[in-house]
Every structure is written in C-alpha cells, then in structure tokens.
Amino acid sequence: MRLFLSLIICSSILLGQFGKVEVKVDDRLLRNSEKQKVSTITNEVSRFFSKHTWNEEFQELKIPLHISIAFQGVAQKGGMETFHAQVLISDGMDLRYFDKSLQFYYNAGSAIYYDPVLFEPLGSFLAFYAYIILAGHMDTYDFYGGNLGYDQAREIVLRGIASDYPKGWSTRMQLLKEVTENKGLREARFAFYVGMDFFNQGKPDEALEEFDLMIKGIQSVFRQFPTGRTLYFLDAHRNELVRALSIMGQNNMLNQLADMDQAHKEVYFKGLK
C-alpha cells in the first residue's frame, strides 16, 4: 500500500476561443527536483490555449477543456532530460482522447509555444489536440466543417514523425485517420445539432429529417467502425435526444437507438412510455 497522497494541481482560467481550461497534474512518480521543474506547467498549458488564434472564422466557441497530465517518469535523450506522461484531454462532452506516450522537455518558467513550421514536442502535442477538438466542434456547425482543422492536425503529425521526438506520433496519425474516416459519426453529430436546432425552433418535420439522418449515420458506424466514440456522443446527448423524440412520438427511432445502445436501452424505453 502506498503511503503518500497524490499531488494534484488544478488550474481553471477563463480563456477566449477555448473558454474555460482545467488542468490537473499528477506528479507522484517524479522526484522532488523533477517536480520543481514542472511546477509551472499547469498555468503554462492553460495560457497556451489562450494566446493562439486557432481559427479565424470560429472565434467565439469558448470550448471548455479538461486536461489531465500523469507523469510516468524522466529519461535522458541526447543529453537532455525528457519527461514521459500520459494525457487525457476532453471537452467535457463527447470529444475525449487519451494519449499514452507524450515525451517532451520542460523547465520551470519555460513558455510553451507552437510554431506551424518548427516542431516543438509539448507545444506541437497540445496544438494537435487543440485542432482535433476544434475540428470536432466545427463539424457540428458545417457539414464536414472540421476538415481544415483535421488537415492542420495532420501537418503537425507529419512533422512529429520526422522529428527527433517521434514517440507516439504514428499512433496519433492512426487516431486522426480513425476520426476523419468515420463519416457515419461525423454526419450523425452534425445532423443531431441541426435537428435539435429545428426542434427548439418548433419545426418538428425538419427536425425529424435530421434525426433520421443521425440514426442512419450511427447505424453505419455500428456496421463498420469501433463504437467507442459513438457511445461517447450518445452518453453526452442521450437524455436530450430521448426527450425530443418522445415529445414527437417517435417510437420507431427510440427502438432503433435502444437496439444499438443496449447498455442504456431502459432510457429509451422510458421515452416510449
């Protein structure tokens, strides 16, 4: 049994394009001298997302971010001390990514920066996920609206693979491929948000057209893709969706969703009643 408590450092700052950023750091596996070197990382990560304009068109999204950094240890690389960490980053809803192989160098007081041309291990890593999460939100405003963000994330991956710190970047390329090629989920997410807009405007016919497209998108995912990210989506919006479909008397849609989302079928059955 371990006899020490986890050191968790939290930082919550109101930012611009990314809204509220919460950063938690678990440095239990580091020595005291190593902990000192990363003592400012919570504030620096929060500041990193505020000082960069990620997209000129989508300025007022205020996407919340929840970032957990768990340090795994320190190693020497080319005479430089490098930190190894696992990172969980999400928007608090259905966009959630767990990265097990972050490698970077850092010193207390160092600013984290991102250059679209030059590769920097930590800054490029954070920028990669910034673009992926931003792209996920852009997909809900325009049909495949996140393509530009995903393209920018792909450019970062290519620089990472070719850098002196290639660890994890091939896996991130695979993640990017998984997310962008899952057209069923991307189309379902867009249709859901459009459908809810129509529903809230009192336009049930238009809403039902979108919800039908959403269900078709989800069905295509269940036929050919891993369902994990689709279940994140349903977890975030299940109750809202059931309420709307129940009010409109859409028993068939509720039954279709219950068949696919078996672990929560009782929620859909309540909507039927």
Protein backbone atom coordinates (compact mmCIF):
# COMPACT_ATOMS: atom_id res chain seq x y z
CA MET A 1 0.00 0.00 0.00
CA ARG A 2 1.32 3.38 -0.92
CA LEU A 3 1.87 5.73 1.99
CA PHE A 4 1.73 9.04 0.16
CA LEU A 5 -1.06 11.10 -1.31
CA SER A 6 -1.37 12.05 -4.93
CA LEU A 7 -0.23 15.54 -5.67
CA ILE A 8 -2.89 17.05 -7.87
CA ILE A 9 -2.50 20.60 -9.09
CA CYS A 10 -5.55 22.27 -10.58
CA SER A 11 -5.84 25.41 -12.62
CA SER A 12 -9.00 26.95 -14.04
CA ILE A 13 -8.72 30.06 -16.18
CA LEU A 14 -11.29 31.79 -18.35
CA LEU A 15 -9.89 31.97 -21.85
CA GLY A 16 -11.05 33.14 -25.28
CA GLN A 17 -11.59 30.63 -28.05
CA PHE A 18 -11.27 27.63 -25.76
CA GLY A 19 -13.23 29.10 -22.86
CA LYS A 20 -12.51 27.50 -19.50
CA VAL A 21 -9.42 25.29 -19.31
CA GLU A 22 -8.97 23.00 -16.33
CA VAL A 23 -5.57 21.34 -15.96
CA LYS A 24 -4.77 18.61 -13.44
CA VAL A 25 -1.27 17.24 -12.93
CA ASP A 26 -0.33 14.02 -11.16
CA ASP A 27 3.42 14.07 -10.43
CA ARG A 28 3.61 11.32 -7.80
CA LEU A 29 6.15 9.33 -9.83
CA LEU A 30 8.61 12.22 -10.07
CA ARG A 31 11.46 13.07 -7.70
CA ASN A 32 11.26 16.36 -5.81
CA SER A 33 13.78 18.02 -8.13
CA GLU A 34 11.79 16.86 -11.15
CA LYS A 35 8.53 18.10 -9.65
CA GLN A 36 10.09 21.53 -9.27
CA LYS A 37 10.97 21.65 -12.94
CA VAL A 38 7.33 21.13 -13.99
CA SER A 39 5.79 23.20 -11.19
CA THR A 40 4.55 25.87 -13.61
CA ILE A 41 3.16 23.57 -16.24
CA THR A 42 -0.50 23.89 -15.20
CA ASN A 43 -0.58 27.64 -15.79
CA GLU A 44 1.54 27.38 -18.91
CA VAL A 45 -0.76 24.80 -20.51
CA SER A 46 -3.79 26.97 -19.74
CA ARG A 47 -2.06 30.04 -21.12
CA PHE A 48 -1.00 28.14 -24.21
CA PHE A 49 -4.59 27.77 -25.42
CA SER A 50 -5.41 31.44 -24.82
CA LYS A 51 -2.51 33.07 -26.64
CA HIS A 52 -3.00 31.37 -30.00
CA THR A 53 -5.72 32.02 -32.59
CA TRP A 54 -6.55 28.53 -33.77
CA ASN A 55 -9.08 29.52 -36.41
CA GLU A 56 -10.01 32.95 -37.73
CA GLU A 57 -13.63 32.03 -38.51
CA PHE A 58 -14.63 30.31 -35.27
CA GLN A 59 -13.68 32.91 -32.68
CA GLU A 60 -16.43 32.70 -30.06
CA LEU A 61 -16.86 28.98 -29.42
CA LYS A 62 -15.46 29.11 -25.86
CA ILE A 63 -14.91 25.35 -25.85
CA PRO A 64 -14.20 24.07 -22.32
CA LEU A 65 -11.14 21.87 -21.97
CA HIS A 66 -10.34 19.31 -19.29
CA ILE A 67 -6.72 18.16 -19.34
CA SER A 68 -5.16 15.58 -17.01
CA ILE A 69 -1.39 15.02 -17.18
CA ALA A 70 0.00 11.98 -15.36
CA PHE A 71 3.80 11.91 -15.33
CA GLN A 72 5.32 8.45 -15.81
CA GLY A 73 8.98 9.30 -15.30
CA VAL A 74 12.07 11.00 -16.71
CA ALA A 75 14.69 9.81 -19.18
CA GLN A 76 17.80 11.20 -20.87
CA LYS A 77 17.69 11.87 -24.60
CA GLY A 78 20.65 13.41 -26.38
CA GLY A 79 21.98 14.81 -23.11
CA MET A 80 18.61 16.41 -22.34
CA GLU A 81 16.20 15.44 -19.59
CA THR A 82 12.83 14.46 -21.06
CA PHE A 83 9.55 13.82 -19.28
CA HIS A 84 7.18 10.99 -20.15
CA ALA A 85 3.48 11.39 -19.46
CA GLN A 86 0.01 10.14 -20.23
CA VAL A 87 -2.62 12.75 -21.06
CA LEU A 88 -6.40 12.74 -21.05
CA ILE A 89 -7.99 15.69 -22.84
CA SER A 90 -11.69 16.31 -23.44
CA ASP A 91 -14.31 18.98 -23.97
CA GLY A 92 -16.40 17.57 -21.12
CA MET A 93 -18.93 16.14 -23.56
CA ASP A 94 -18.31 13.66 -26.36
CA LEU A 95 -14.80 14.58 -27.52
CA ARG A 96 -12.39 12.61 -25.37
CA TYR A 97 -8.83 11.49 -26.15
CA PHE A 98 -6.37 9.51 -24.07
CA ASP A 99 -2.73 9.66 -25.16
CA LYS A 100 -0.29 7.25 -23.51
CA SER A 101 3.04 8.35 -25.00
CA LEU A 102 3.86 12.03 -24.59
CA GLN A 103 7.60 12.76 -24.47
CA PHE A 104 8.88 16.33 -24.01
CA TYR A 105 11.45 18.56 -22.34
CA TYR A 106 10.48 21.31 -19.92
CA ASN A 107 11.91 23.65 -17.28
CA ALA A 108 10.14 25.75 -14.67
CA GLY A 109 9.37 29.15 -16.10
CA SER A 110 9.54 27.93 -19.68
CA ALA A 111 6.82 29.14 -22.02
CA ILE A 112 5.08 26.55 -24.17
CA TYR A 113 4.93 27.70 -27.76
CA TYR A 114 3.60 26.41 -31.05
CA ASP A 115 5.11 27.20 -34.43
CA PRO A 116 3.24 25.96 -37.53
CA VAL A 117 6.59 25.25 -39.21
CA LEU A 118 9.02 24.28 -36.45
CA PHE A 119 8.34 21.22 -34.29
CA GLU A 120 8.39 21.55 -30.50
CA PRO A 121 7.43 18.36 -28.58
CA LEU A 122 5.00 19.74 -25.99
CA GLY A 123 3.64 22.70 -27.95
CA SER A 124 3.05 20.61 -31.06
CA PHE A 125 1.38 17.89 -28.99
CA LEU A 126 -1.07 20.34 -27.41
CA ALA A 127 -1.70 22.04 -30.76
CA PHE A 128 -2.50 18.66 -32.33
CA TYR A 129 -5.29 18.05 -29.83
CA ALA A 130 -6.42 21.66 -29.97
CA TYR A 131 -7.05 21.29 -33.69
CA ILE A 132 -8.73 17.88 -33.28
CA ILE A 133 -11.16 19.17 -30.66
CA LEU A 134 -11.78 22.39 -32.55
CA ALA A 135 -12.42 20.35 -35.72
CA GLY A 136 -14.94 18.23 -33.84
CA HIS A 137 -16.88 21.36 -32.92
CA MET A 138 -16.58 22.81 -36.40
CA ASP A 139 -18.16 19.59 -37.71
CA THR A 140 -21.32 20.47 -35.78
CA TYR A 141 -21.65 23.89 -37.41
CA ASP A 142 -20.97 22.97 -41.06
CA PHE A 143 -21.19 19.68 -42.92
CA TYR A 144 -17.63 18.33 -42.64
CA GLY A 145 -16.69 21.78 -41.37
CA GLY A 146 -13.79 20.34 -39.39
CA ASN A 147 -11.77 19.30 -42.43
CA LEU A 148 -9.45 22.30 -42.18
CA GLY A 149 -8.74 21.63 -38.51
CA TYR A 150 -8.03 17.98 -39.19
CA ASP A 151 -5.69 18.95 -42.03
CA GLN A 152 -3.77 21.23 -39.67
CA ALA A 153 -3.53 18.40 -37.13
CA ARG A 154 -2.21 16.10 -39.86
CA GLU A 155 0.58 18.56 -40.72
CA ILE A 156 1.66 18.52 -37.07
CA VAL A 157 1.71 14.71 -37.07
CA LEU A 158 3.94 14.58 -40.15
CA ARG A 159 6.43 16.95 -38.51
CA GLY A 160 6.32 14.89 -35.34
CA ILE A 161 7.06 11.63 -37.14
CA ALA A 162 10.05 13.23 -38.86
CA SER A 163 11.35 14.91 -35.67
CA ASP A 164 13.87 13.83 -33.03
CA TYR A 165 10.88 13.05 -30.78
CA PRO A 166 8.82 10.64 -32.91
CA LYS A 167 7.39 8.65 -29.99
CA GLY A 168 3.60 8.44 -30.20
CA TRP A 169 3.16 10.33 -33.45
CA SER A 170 2.44 7.26 -35.60
CA THR A 171 -0.31 6.37 -33.12
CA ARG A 172 -1.68 9.90 -33.41
CA MET A 173 -1.74 9.55 -37.18
CA GLN A 174 -3.82 6.40 -36.73
CA LEU A 175 -6.13 8.27 -34.36
CA LEU A 176 -6.57 11.06 -36.90
CA LYS A 177 -7.38 8.52 -39.61
CA GLU A 178 -9.92 6.81 -37.34
CA VAL A 179 -11.67 10.09 -36.53
CA THR A 180 -11.74 11.61 -40.02
CA GLU A 181 -12.74 8.45 -41.86
CA ASN A 182 -15.62 7.72 -39.50
CA LYS A 183 -18.04 9.59 -41.73
CA GLY A 184 -21.08 8.00 -40.10
CA LEU A 185 -20.30 9.57 -36.74
CA ARG A 186 -19.30 12.92 -38.21
CA GLU A 187 -22.56 13.09 -40.17
CA ALA A 188 -24.59 11.89 -37.17
CA ARG A 189 -23.15 14.58 -34.92
CA PHE A 190 -23.89 17.31 -37.47
CA ALA A 191 -27.45 16.02 -38.01
CA PHE A 192 -28.09 15.87 -34.26
CA TYR A 193 -27.15 19.52 -33.69
CA VAL A 194 -29.14 20.71 -36.71
CA GLY A 195 -32.09 18.56 -35.63
CA MET A 196 -32.04 19.97 -32.09
CA ASP A 197 -31.97 23.50 -33.50
CA PHE A 198 -35.08 22.75 -35.57
CA PHE A 199 -36.77 21.08 -32.60
CA ASN A 200 -36.12 24.08 -30.35
CA GLN A 201 -37.47 26.36 -33.07
CA GLY A 202 -40.74 24.39 -33.15
CA LYS A 203 -40.07 22.79 -36.56
CA PRO A 204 -40.71 19.07 -35.94
CA ASP A 205 -40.78 17.98 -39.59
CA GLU A 206 -37.35 19.43 -40.32
CA ALA A 207 -36.06 18.07 -37.00
CA LEU A 208 -37.23 14.54 -37.81
CA GLU A 209 -35.46 14.62 -41.17
CA GLU A 210 -32.21 15.40 -39.39
CA PHE A 211 -32.75 12.83 -36.64
CA ASP A 212 -33.39 10.19 -39.31
CA LEU A 213 -30.03 11.11 -40.90
CA MET A 214 -28.42 10.92 -37.46
CA ILE A 215 -29.70 7.38 -36.88
CA LYS A 216 -28.54 6.27 -40.32
CA GLY A 217 -25.09 7.65 -39.55
CA ILE A 218 -24.95 5.82 -36.22
CA GLN A 219 -26.12 2.59 -37.87
CA SER A 220 -23.30 2.83 -40.40
CA VAL A 221 -20.81 3.21 -37.53
CA PHE A 222 -22.10 0.09 -35.80
CA ARG A 223 -21.68 -1.85 -39.04
CA GLN A 224 -18.07 -0.94 -39.81
CA PHE A 225 -16.32 1.11 -37.11
CA PRO A 226 -15.39 0.78 -33.43
CA THR A 227 -18.29 2.19 -31.45
CA GLY A 228 -16.39 3.82 -28.56
CA ARG A 229 -16.53 7.42 -29.80
CA THR A 230 -20.15 7.00 -30.90
CA LEU A 231 -21.04 5.87 -27.38
CA TYR A 232 -19.28 8.99 -26.02
CA PHE A 233 -21.59 11.00 -28.28
CA LEU A 234 -24.71 9.16 -27.08
CA ASP A 235 -23.62 9.47 -23.44
CA ALA A 236 -23.36 13.25 -23.83
CA HIS A 237 -26.73 13.73 -25.55
CA ARG A 238 -28.86 10.67 -24.72
CA ASN A 239 -31.31 12.32 -22.33
CA GLU A 240 -31.79 15.38 -24.52
CA LEU A 241 -32.33 13.21 -27.58
CA VAL A 242 -34.79 10.88 -25.84
CA ARG A 243 -36.79 13.83 -24.60
CA ALA A 244 -37.10 15.33 -28.08
CA LEU A 245 -38.02 12.05 -29.76
CA SER A 246 -40.51 11.21 -27.01
CA ILE A 247 -42.27 14.58 -27.35
CA MET A 248 -42.57 13.99 -31.09
CA GLY A 249 -43.85 10.45 -30.56
CA GLN A 250 -41.00 8.79 -32.45
CA ASN A 251 -41.25 5.28 -31.00
CA ASN A 252 -39.54 3.71 -34.00
CA MET A 253 -36.46 5.92 -33.63
CA LEU A 254 -36.33 5.24 -29.90
CA ASN A 255 -36.48 1.49 -30.54
CA GLN A 256 -33.70 1.77 -33.13
CA LEU A 257 -31.48 3.59 -30.67
CA ALA A 258 -32.27 1.07 -27.91
CA ASP A 259 -31.22 -1.77 -30.23
CA MET A 260 -27.85 -0.13 -30.86
CA ASP A 261 -27.20 1.27 -27.38
CA GLN A 262 -28.08 -1.86 -25.44
CA ALA A 263 -26.38 -0.81 -22.20
CA HIS A 264 -28.85 2.09 -21.86
CA LYS A 265 -31.95 0.67 -23.52
CA GLU A 266 -34.06 1.36 -20.41
CA VAL A 267 -33.54 5.10 -21.01
CA TYR A 268 -35.04 4.79 -24.49
CA PHE A 269 -37.87 2.57 -23.21
CA LYS A 270 -38.80 5.28 -20.71
CA GLY A 271 -39.13 7.60 -23.68
CA LEU A 272 -41.55 5.14 -25.27
CA LYS A 273 -43.79 5.34 -22.22
